N, C-alpha and C. Protein backbone atom coordinates (compact mmCIF):
# COMPACT_ATOMS: atom_id res chain seq x y z
N UNK A 1 0.64 -1.56 -0.09
CA UNK A 1 -0.04 0.28 -0.20
C UNK A 1 0.78 0.92 0.10
N UNK A 2 1.91 1.11 -0.05
CA UNK A 2 3.52 2.35 0.69
C UNK A 2 2.96 2.89 -0.60
N UNK A 3 3.61 1.48 -1.13
CA UNK A 3 4.27 1.96 -2.78
C UNK A 3 3.15 2.77 -3.78
N UNK A 4 1.82 2.04 -3.47
CA UNK A 4 0.43 2.68 -4.27
C UNK A 4 0.45 3.97 -4.32
N UNK A 5 0.36 4.44 -2.20
CA UNK A 5 0.40 6.11 -2.38
C UNK A 5 2.36 6.24 -3.07
N UNK A 6 3.24 6.26 -3.30
CA UNK A 6 4.39 6.70 -3.25
C UNK A 6 4.01 7.03 -5.51
N UNK A 7 3.97 6.27 -6.04
CA UNK A 7 3.51 6.52 -7.30
C UNK A 7 2.01 7.25 -6.89
N UNK A 8 1.12 7.51 -6.32
CA UNK A 8 -0.10 8.51 -7.04
C UNK A 8 0.16 9.92 -6.07
N UNK A 9 1.71 10.86 -5.48
CA UNK A 9 2.53 11.44 -4.88
C UNK A 9 2.98 11.52 -5.87
N UNK A 10 4.22 10.35 -7.04
CA UNK A 10 4.96 10.83 -7.85
C UNK A 10 4.03 11.47 -9.05
N UNK A 11 2.94 10.72 -9.56
CA UNK A 11 2.08 11.31 -10.64
C UNK A 11 1.52 12.77 -10.32
N UNK A 12 0.71 12.97 -9.38
CA UNK A 12 0.48 13.56 -8.94
C UNK A 12 1.30 15.55 -9.21
N UNK A 13 2.73 14.79 -8.75
CA UNK A 13 3.91 16.28 -8.49
C UNK A 13 4.52 16.14 -10.17
N UNK A 14 4.04 14.95 -11.19
CA UNK A 14 4.58 15.40 -12.58
C UNK A 14 3.59 15.94 -13.17
N UNK A 15 2.13 15.32 -13.00
CA UNK A 15 1.94 16.38 -13.36
C UNK A 15 1.55 18.09 -12.84
N UNK A 16 1.25 18.33 -11.93
CA UNK A 16 1.71 19.78 -11.06
C UNK A 16 2.57 20.00 -11.73
N UNK A 17 3.45 19.97 -11.90
CA UNK A 17 4.90 20.07 -12.58
C UNK A 17 5.00 20.51 -14.17
N UNK A 18 3.77 20.26 -15.05
CA UNK A 18 3.39 20.04 -16.20
C UNK A 18 2.49 20.92 -16.43
N UNK A 19 1.64 21.27 -15.05
CA UNK A 19 0.70 22.50 -15.61
C UNK A 19 1.45 23.14 -15.08
N UNK A 20 2.74 23.72 -14.06
CA UNK A 20 2.77 25.07 -14.06
C UNK A 20 4.06 24.93 -15.19
N UNK A 21 4.90 24.50 -15.95
CA UNK A 21 5.53 24.44 -16.86
C UNK A 21 4.20 25.28 -18.27
N UNK A 22 3.51 24.52 -17.90
CA UNK A 22 2.40 25.22 -19.20
C UNK A 22 2.42 26.56 -18.81
N UNK A 23 1.56 27.35 -17.63
CA UNK A 23 0.84 28.68 -17.64
C UNK A 23 2.15 29.33 -17.34
N UNK A 24 3.45 29.00 -16.76
CA UNK A 24 4.74 29.74 -16.88
C UNK A 24 4.03 29.99 -18.47
N UNK A 25 4.53 29.18 -19.18
CA UNK A 25 4.74 29.90 -20.84
C UNK A 25 4.06 30.46 -21.16
N UNK A 26 2.54 30.43 -21.34
CA UNK A 26 1.64 31.02 -21.61
C UNK A 26 1.32 32.32 -20.89
N UNK A 27 2.22 32.91 -19.84
CA UNK A 27 2.53 33.90 -19.29
C UNK A 27 3.63 34.97 -19.87
N UNK A 28 4.56 33.97 -20.61
CA UNK A 28 5.75 34.28 -21.16
C UNK A 28 5.60 36.24 -22.18
N UNK A 29 6.47 36.34 -22.70
CA UNK A 29 6.41 37.85 -23.60
C UNK A 29 5.74 37.14 -25.08
N UNK A 30 4.86 38.32 -25.54
CA UNK A 30 4.30 38.19 -26.50
C UNK A 30 5.52 37.92 -28.27
N UNK A 31 5.32 37.49 -29.52
CA UNK A 31 6.56 37.43 -30.51
C UNK A 31 5.74 39.21 -30.79
N UNK A 32 7.28 39.87 -31.73
CA UNK A 32 6.74 40.70 -32.00
C UNK A 32 6.80 40.76 -33.03
N UNK A 33 5.96 41.73 -34.63
CA UNK A 33 6.98 41.78 -35.76
C UNK A 33 7.64 42.61 -35.98
N UNK A 34 9.05 41.92 -37.11
CA UNK A 34 9.75 42.60 -37.52
C UNK A 34 9.21 44.33 -38.05
N UNK A 35 10.28 44.61 -38.07
CA UNK A 35 10.01 46.20 -38.84
C UNK A 35 10.17 46.14 -40.38
N UNK A 36 9.49 46.80 -41.29
CA UNK A 36 9.38 46.53 -42.87
C UNK A 36 10.73 47.34 -42.98
N UNK A 37 11.53 46.45 -43.90
CA UNK A 37 12.65 46.43 -44.81
C UNK A 37 12.15 47.92 -45.44
N UNK A 38 13.85 48.66 -45.99
CA UNK A 38 13.10 49.76 -46.61
C UNK A 38 12.82 49.36 -47.95
N UNK A 39 12.11 50.24 -49.27
CA UNK A 39 12.46 49.10 -50.65
C UNK A 39 14.11 49.87 -51.26
N UNK A 40 14.27 49.13 -51.89
CA UNK A 40 15.54 48.84 -52.57
C UNK A 40 15.66 50.02 -53.80
N UNK A 41 16.01 50.36 -54.29
CA UNK A 41 15.95 51.33 -55.87
C UNK A 41 17.41 51.45 -56.50
N UNK A 42 17.33 50.91 -57.78
CA UNK A 42 18.06 50.96 -58.55
C UNK A 42 18.29 51.66 -59.36
N UNK A 43 19.29 52.77 -59.93
CA UNK A 43 19.41 53.92 -60.18
C UNK A 43 19.97 53.73 -62.24
N UNK A 44 18.78 54.22 -62.52
CA UNK A 44 18.84 53.49 -64.52
C UNK A 44 19.97 53.78 -64.67
N UNK A 45 20.79 54.47 -64.64
CA UNK A 45 22.39 55.23 -64.81
C UNK A 45 22.88 54.28 -64.46
N UNK A 46 22.82 53.52 -63.34
CA UNK A 46 24.00 52.10 -63.16
C UNK A 46 23.57 50.94 -64.30
N UNK A 47 22.30 51.03 -64.83
CA UNK A 47 22.03 49.59 -65.35
C UNK A 47 22.82 49.79 -66.77
N UNK A 48 22.85 51.23 -67.27
CA UNK A 48 23.81 51.71 -68.21
C UNK A 48 25.49 51.50 -68.51
N UNK A 49 25.42 51.27 -67.08
CA UNK A 49 27.15 51.23 -67.24
C UNK A 49 27.30 49.99 -67.95
N UNK A 50 29.14 49.91 -68.72
CA UNK A 50 29.19 48.96 -69.48
C UNK A 50 31.09 48.71 -68.49
N UNK A 51 30.06 47.47 -68.27
CA UNK A 51 31.88 47.01 -67.55
C UNK A 51 32.38 46.74 -68.59
N UNK A 52 34.13 46.60 -68.02
CA UNK A 52 35.22 46.71 -69.42
C UNK A 52 35.50 45.95 -69.88
N UNK A 53 35.61 44.62 -70.83
CA UNK A 53 35.90 43.08 -71.54
C UNK A 53 37.38 43.36 -70.87
N UNK A 54 37.45 41.90 -70.17
CA UNK A 54 38.71 42.15 -69.47
C UNK A 54 39.55 41.24 -70.84
N UNK A 55 41.22 41.25 -70.91
CA UNK A 55 41.87 41.22 -71.97
C UNK A 55 42.37 39.18 -72.36
N UNK A 56 42.58 38.79 -72.63
CA UNK A 56 42.57 37.74 -72.49
C UNK A 56 43.85 37.27 -72.33
N UNK A 57 44.81 36.60 -71.64
CA UNK A 57 46.12 37.10 -71.45
C UNK A 57 46.73 35.73 -72.78
N UNK A 58 47.71 36.53 -73.31
CA UNK A 58 49.04 36.14 -74.18
C UNK A 58 48.79 34.74 -73.93
N UNK A 59 49.36 34.35 -72.69
CA UNK A 59 50.18 33.30 -72.09
C UNK A 59 49.08 32.49 -71.43
N UNK A 60 49.02 31.21 -71.16
CA UNK A 60 48.32 30.68 -70.06
C UNK A 60 49.28 29.22 -69.77
N UNK A 61 48.17 28.57 -68.48
CA UNK A 61 49.75 27.72 -68.15
C UNK A 61 48.51 26.64 -66.72
N UNK A 62 49.14 26.01 -66.94
CA UNK A 62 48.58 24.64 -65.53
C UNK A 62 48.76 23.95 -64.77
N UNK A 63 49.12 23.59 -64.14
CA UNK A 63 49.64 21.97 -64.06
C UNK A 63 48.50 21.47 -62.23
N UNK A 64 49.44 19.93 -62.78
CA UNK A 64 48.32 18.97 -62.01
C UNK A 64 49.54 18.07 -61.66
N UNK A 65 48.77 17.16 -61.08
CA UNK A 65 49.71 15.99 -60.54
C UNK A 65 49.33 14.32 -60.89
N UNK A 66 50.47 13.89 -60.90
CA UNK A 66 49.79 12.49 -61.79
C UNK A 66 48.95 12.01 -60.70
N UNK A 67 48.64 11.48 -59.63
CA UNK A 67 48.22 11.58 -59.13
C UNK A 67 47.82 12.33 -57.80
N UNK A 68 46.45 12.74 -57.37
CA UNK A 68 46.06 13.46 -56.50
C UNK A 68 45.72 12.72 -55.07
N UNK A 69 45.16 11.34 -54.49
CA UNK A 69 45.62 10.72 -53.75
C UNK A 69 46.41 9.56 -53.75
N UNK A 70 47.60 10.61 -53.29
CA UNK A 70 49.22 9.72 -53.76
C UNK A 70 49.14 8.81 -51.72
N UNK A 71 50.11 8.04 -51.61
CA UNK A 71 50.13 7.46 -50.54
C UNK A 71 51.03 8.27 -50.02
N UNK A 72 51.64 8.35 -49.09
CA UNK A 72 52.23 9.09 -48.49
C UNK A 72 53.73 9.00 -48.24
N UNK A 73 54.37 7.69 -48.84
CA UNK A 73 55.76 8.01 -49.54
C UNK A 73 55.58 7.20 -50.42
N UNK A 74 54.71 8.35 -51.97
CA UNK A 74 54.45 7.39 -52.85
C UNK A 74 55.82 8.49 -54.21
N UNK A 75 55.99 8.26 -55.32
CA UNK A 75 56.44 9.17 -55.87
C UNK A 75 55.71 9.76 -56.99
N UNK A 76 54.91 10.78 -57.54
CA UNK A 76 54.25 11.20 -58.25
C UNK A 76 54.77 12.69 -58.83
N UNK A 77 54.04 12.62 -60.04
CA UNK A 77 55.00 13.10 -61.08
C UNK A 77 53.54 14.88 -61.36
N UNK A 78 54.28 15.73 -61.15
CA UNK A 78 54.01 16.75 -61.47
C UNK A 78 54.06 17.55 -62.73
N UNK A 79 53.31 17.68 -63.60
CA UNK A 79 52.76 18.30 -65.25
C UNK A 79 52.53 19.72 -64.67
N UNK A 80 53.09 19.55 -66.44
CA UNK A 80 52.42 21.88 -66.33
C UNK A 80 52.68 21.56 -67.62
N UNK A 81 52.04 22.37 -68.67
CA UNK A 81 51.91 23.03 -69.69
C UNK A 81 51.57 24.44 -70.01
N UNK A 82 52.12 25.37 -70.45
CA UNK A 82 52.85 26.36 -71.58
C UNK A 82 51.61 26.61 -72.64
N UNK A 83 50.92 27.64 -73.13
CA UNK A 83 50.18 27.56 -74.25
C UNK A 83 50.32 29.29 -74.89
N UNK A 84 50.51 29.15 -75.47
CA UNK A 84 49.89 30.63 -76.13
C UNK A 84 48.80 30.25 -77.19
N UNK A 85 47.81 32.00 -76.79
CA UNK A 85 46.92 32.26 -77.48
C UNK A 85 47.67 33.02 -79.17
N UNK A 86 47.09 32.09 -80.34
CA UNK A 86 47.60 32.72 -81.22
C UNK A 86 46.44 32.25 -82.12
N UNK A 87 46.15 32.06 -82.95
CA UNK A 87 44.65 32.09 -83.75
C UNK A 87 44.40 30.83 -83.45
N UNK A 88 45.11 29.80 -82.61
CA UNK A 88 44.59 28.64 -82.42
C UNK A 88 45.80 28.25 -81.28
N UNK A 89 45.15 27.45 -80.28
CA UNK A 89 46.48 28.03 -78.92
C UNK A 89 47.77 26.18 -79.03
N UNK A 90 48.55 26.63 -79.13
CA UNK A 90 49.03 26.40 -78.93
C UNK A 90 51.14 26.71 -78.07
N UNK A 91 51.13 24.96 -77.31
CA UNK A 91 52.09 24.71 -77.01
C UNK A 91 53.52 25.47 -77.41
N UNK A 92 53.92 26.51 -75.68
CA UNK A 92 55.37 27.15 -75.91
C UNK A 92 56.48 26.45 -75.85
N UNK A 93 57.44 26.25 -76.88
CA UNK A 93 59.01 25.41 -76.34
C UNK A 93 60.02 26.11 -76.44
N UNK A 94 60.91 25.58 -74.81
CA UNK A 94 61.95 26.16 -75.05
C UNK A 94 61.60 27.47 -73.85
N UNK A 95 60.28 27.37 -72.90
CA UNK A 95 60.83 28.37 -71.75
C UNK A 95 61.18 26.97 -70.44
N UNK A 96 62.10 28.19 -69.58
CA UNK A 96 62.36 27.28 -68.47
C UNK A 96 60.95 27.01 -67.54
N UNK A 97 61.13 26.37 -66.85
CA UNK A 97 60.06 25.59 -65.97
C UNK A 97 60.54 25.88 -63.89
N UNK A 98 60.24 26.55 -62.97
CA UNK A 98 60.58 26.12 -62.01
C UNK A 98 59.41 25.72 -61.26
N UNK A 99 59.29 24.63 -59.98
CA UNK A 99 57.92 24.54 -58.82
C UNK A 99 58.49 24.59 -58.11
N UNK A 100 57.76 24.97 -56.67
CA UNK A 100 58.02 24.91 -55.57
C UNK A 100 56.58 24.13 -55.00
N UNK A 101 57.22 23.34 -53.87
CA UNK A 101 55.95 22.42 -53.03
C UNK A 101 55.71 22.96 -51.85
N UNK A 102 54.67 23.53 -51.63
CA UNK A 102 54.13 23.60 -50.54
C UNK A 102 53.92 22.78 -49.43
N UNK A 103 54.38 21.93 -48.57
CA UNK A 103 54.02 21.02 -47.58
C UNK A 103 53.33 21.78 -46.78
N UNK A 104 53.17 21.38 -45.80
CA UNK A 104 52.18 21.54 -44.17
C UNK A 104 53.68 21.74 -43.60
N UNK A 105 55.09 21.54 -43.49
CA UNK A 105 55.82 21.58 -42.56
C UNK A 105 56.78 22.79 -43.45
N UNK A 106 56.55 23.04 -44.66
CA UNK A 106 57.59 24.48 -45.14
C UNK A 106 57.92 24.26 -46.63
N UNK A 107 58.11 25.12 -47.05
CA UNK A 107 58.35 24.66 -49.02
C UNK A 107 59.01 24.50 -49.46
N UNK A 108 59.69 23.52 -50.20
CA UNK A 108 60.64 22.74 -50.95
C UNK A 108 60.59 22.95 -53.00
N UNK A 109 61.55 23.14 -53.13
CA UNK A 109 62.00 23.65 -54.10
C UNK A 109 62.21 21.90 -55.02
N UNK A 110 61.56 22.32 -56.33
CA UNK A 110 62.00 20.78 -57.08
C UNK A 110 63.08 21.29 -58.16
N UNK A 111 63.77 19.87 -58.67
CA UNK A 111 64.39 20.29 -59.39
C UNK A 111 65.48 21.12 -59.71
N UNK A 112 66.40 21.36 -59.17
CA UNK A 112 68.22 21.95 -58.56
C UNK A 112 68.10 22.25 -60.57
N UNK A 113 68.13 21.75 -61.78
CA UNK A 113 68.45 21.88 -62.79
C UNK A 113 66.69 22.13 -63.55
N UNK A 114 66.47 22.85 -64.11
CA UNK A 114 64.78 23.70 -64.32
C UNK A 114 64.91 22.69 -65.47
N UNK A 115 63.72 22.01 -65.81
CA UNK A 115 63.28 21.52 -66.98
C UNK A 115 62.95 22.89 -67.75
N UNK A 116 62.79 22.31 -69.22
CA UNK A 116 62.78 23.27 -70.13
C UNK A 116 61.36 22.66 -71.57
N UNK A 117 60.63 23.62 -71.58
CA UNK A 117 59.57 22.85 -72.10
C UNK A 117 59.22 22.40 -73.85
N UNK A 118 59.18 21.59 -73.99
CA UNK A 118 59.09 20.66 -75.01
C UNK A 118 58.72 21.13 -76.57
N UNK A 119 58.33 20.91 -77.13
CA UNK A 119 57.66 21.45 -78.83
C UNK A 119 56.00 21.38 -78.37
N UNK A 120 55.25 21.05 -77.45
CA UNK A 120 53.96 20.96 -77.19
C UNK A 120 53.89 21.85 -75.65
N UNK A 121 54.46 22.29 -75.39
CA UNK A 121 55.13 23.29 -73.93
C UNK A 121 54.62 22.77 -72.72
N UNK A 122 55.50 21.30 -72.46
CA UNK A 122 54.69 20.46 -71.73
C UNK A 122 56.38 20.57 -70.73
N UNK A 123 56.23 20.64 -69.05
CA UNK A 123 57.33 20.26 -68.71
C UNK A 123 56.66 19.02 -67.49
N UNK A 124 57.68 18.35 -66.97
CA UNK A 124 57.51 17.63 -65.79
C UNK A 124 58.38 17.79 -64.21
N UNK A 125 58.26 17.55 -63.50
CA UNK A 125 58.91 17.02 -62.57
C UNK A 125 58.46 16.05 -61.27
N UNK A 126 60.02 15.28 -60.67
CA UNK A 126 59.11 13.92 -60.20
C UNK A 126 58.97 14.42 -58.83
N UNK A 127 58.88 13.85 -58.10
CA UNK A 127 58.69 14.55 -56.33
C UNK A 127 58.37 13.16 -56.15
N UNK A 128 59.10 13.20 -54.99
CA UNK A 128 59.04 11.69 -53.95
C UNK A 128 58.50 12.43 -52.74
N UNK A 129 57.58 11.83 -52.51
CA UNK A 129 56.50 12.61 -51.13
C UNK A 129 57.30 12.55 -49.47
N UNK A 130 58.40 10.58 -49.80
CA UNK A 130 58.98 10.58 -48.35
C UNK A 130 58.05 10.38 -46.62
N UNK A 131 57.03 10.59 -47.33
CA UNK A 131 55.89 11.08 -45.96
C UNK A 131 56.22 12.39 -45.50
N UNK A 132 56.58 13.60 -46.67
CA UNK A 132 56.66 14.86 -45.68
C UNK A 132 54.99 15.54 -46.05
N UNK A 133 53.72 14.72 -46.44
CA UNK A 133 53.27 15.23 -46.19
C UNK A 133 52.33 14.50 -45.68
N UNK A 134 51.19 14.94 -44.13
CA UNK A 134 50.62 13.93 -43.49
C UNK A 134 49.19 13.85 -44.22
N UNK A 135 48.97 12.48 -43.99
CA UNK A 135 47.55 11.83 -44.69
C UNK A 135 46.21 12.90 -44.81
N UNK A 136 45.49 13.12 -45.56
CA UNK A 136 44.10 13.70 -45.63
C UNK A 136 44.68 15.74 -45.53
N UNK A 137 45.53 15.84 -45.28
CA UNK A 137 45.82 17.41 -45.52
C UNK A 137 46.86 17.67 -47.19
N UNK A 138 45.73 18.05 -48.11
CA UNK A 138 46.07 18.81 -49.13
C UNK A 138 47.29 19.75 -48.93
N UNK A 139 47.99 19.74 -49.97
CA UNK A 139 49.07 20.02 -50.52
C UNK A 139 49.25 21.19 -51.95
N UNK A 140 49.48 21.86 -52.16
CA UNK A 140 49.80 22.59 -54.07
C UNK A 140 51.01 22.32 -54.26
N UNK A 141 51.89 22.70 -55.58
CA UNK A 141 52.80 22.76 -56.07
C UNK A 141 52.45 24.29 -57.12
N UNK A 142 53.51 25.39 -57.08
CA UNK A 142 53.24 26.20 -57.91
C UNK A 142 54.40 26.18 -58.82
N UNK A 143 53.65 26.10 -60.83
CA UNK A 143 54.91 25.92 -61.18
C UNK A 143 54.81 27.42 -62.01
N UNK A 144 56.31 28.19 -62.12
CA UNK A 144 56.19 29.22 -63.25
C UNK A 144 57.62 29.07 -64.28
N UNK A 145 56.67 29.22 -65.32
CA UNK A 145 57.47 29.76 -66.80
C UNK A 145 57.50 30.75 -66.64
N UNK A 146 59.43 30.55 -67.19
CA UNK A 146 60.27 31.84 -67.70
C UNK A 146 60.36 32.17 -69.34
N UNK A 147 59.84 33.09 -70.03
CA UNK A 147 60.02 32.86 -71.38
C UNK A 147 61.02 34.28 -71.34
N UNK A 148 61.71 33.25 -73.24
CA UNK A 148 62.96 34.18 -73.59
C UNK A 148 62.94 34.34 -74.80
N UNK A 149 63.31 35.43 -75.14
CA UNK A 149 63.82 36.36 -74.57
C UNK A 149 62.86 37.21 -73.84
N UNK A 150 63.40 38.25 -72.95
CA UNK A 150 62.45 39.18 -72.71
C UNK A 150 62.28 38.55 -70.58
N UNK A 151 62.12 36.82 -70.54
CA UNK A 151 61.83 36.90 -69.42
C UNK A 151 60.61 37.20 -68.66
N UNK A 152 59.56 37.16 -69.44
CA UNK A 152 58.49 36.99 -69.15
C UNK A 152 57.68 35.99 -68.27
N UNK A 153 57.52 35.67 -66.54
CA UNK A 153 56.65 34.99 -66.25
C UNK A 153 55.68 35.13 -65.79
N UNK A 154 55.33 33.75 -66.18
CA UNK A 154 53.56 33.01 -66.33
C UNK A 154 53.68 31.91 -65.08
N UNK A 155 52.37 32.39 -64.22
CA UNK A 155 52.51 31.74 -62.88
C UNK A 155 51.12 30.60 -63.44
N UNK A 156 51.31 29.30 -62.85
CA UNK A 156 50.40 27.99 -64.00
C UNK A 156 49.27 28.08 -62.35
N UNK A 157 48.04 28.05 -62.72
CA UNK A 157 47.24 27.13 -61.79
C UNK A 157 48.14 26.49 -61.16
N UNK A 158 47.68 26.14 -59.98
CA UNK A 158 48.43 25.37 -59.13
C UNK A 158 48.08 23.81 -58.71
N UNK A 159 49.08 22.95 -59.01
CA UNK A 159 48.25 21.83 -58.81
C UNK A 159 48.79 21.23 -57.71
N UNK A 160 47.80 20.37 -56.89
CA UNK A 160 47.49 19.77 -55.84
C UNK A 160 47.41 18.37 -55.50
N UNK A 161 47.60 17.85 -54.63
CA UNK A 161 47.39 16.25 -53.82
C UNK A 161 47.01 16.35 -52.55
N UNK A 162 46.81 15.46 -52.44
CA UNK A 162 46.32 14.99 -50.84
C UNK A 162 46.73 13.62 -50.62
N UNK A 163 47.57 13.52 -50.07
CA UNK A 163 48.11 11.91 -49.21
C UNK A 163 47.12 11.60 -48.57
N UNK A 164 46.88 9.79 -48.96
CA UNK A 164 46.19 9.51 -48.28
C UNK A 164 46.18 8.08 -47.63
């Protein structure tokens, strides 16, 4: 019989707490309406302004990795291609390329004897990873071509890889 009265008291106490909670919620503050926002207008002269047309660069280049998800101890190849916009897009031969790998621990230049682009404008660099980049942390490689005569520098879109 003691157990029955304890259950009854617990049930009544629970119902009382729920009722009290509902009453306190009902007495809370009411929601306010948001203030209306001002109307935005665009001046007609703004729409008549012409944006300048960007000039197409004479030289373009890009770099990429032979494997975007290598093992941490593997050796990968970084490729790059330099092109010149003429009537058709053509590779630029004879340009010297340099590359720098951006590891988490610091930068590392590649190949002390910089390669020269072939007839198609291609160069490649061998990159032994040797565990220098932690797994699941991306690294990038910047490639820069130097075109002679004149010494014009062309910066490629970077290559990237993430050891897995």
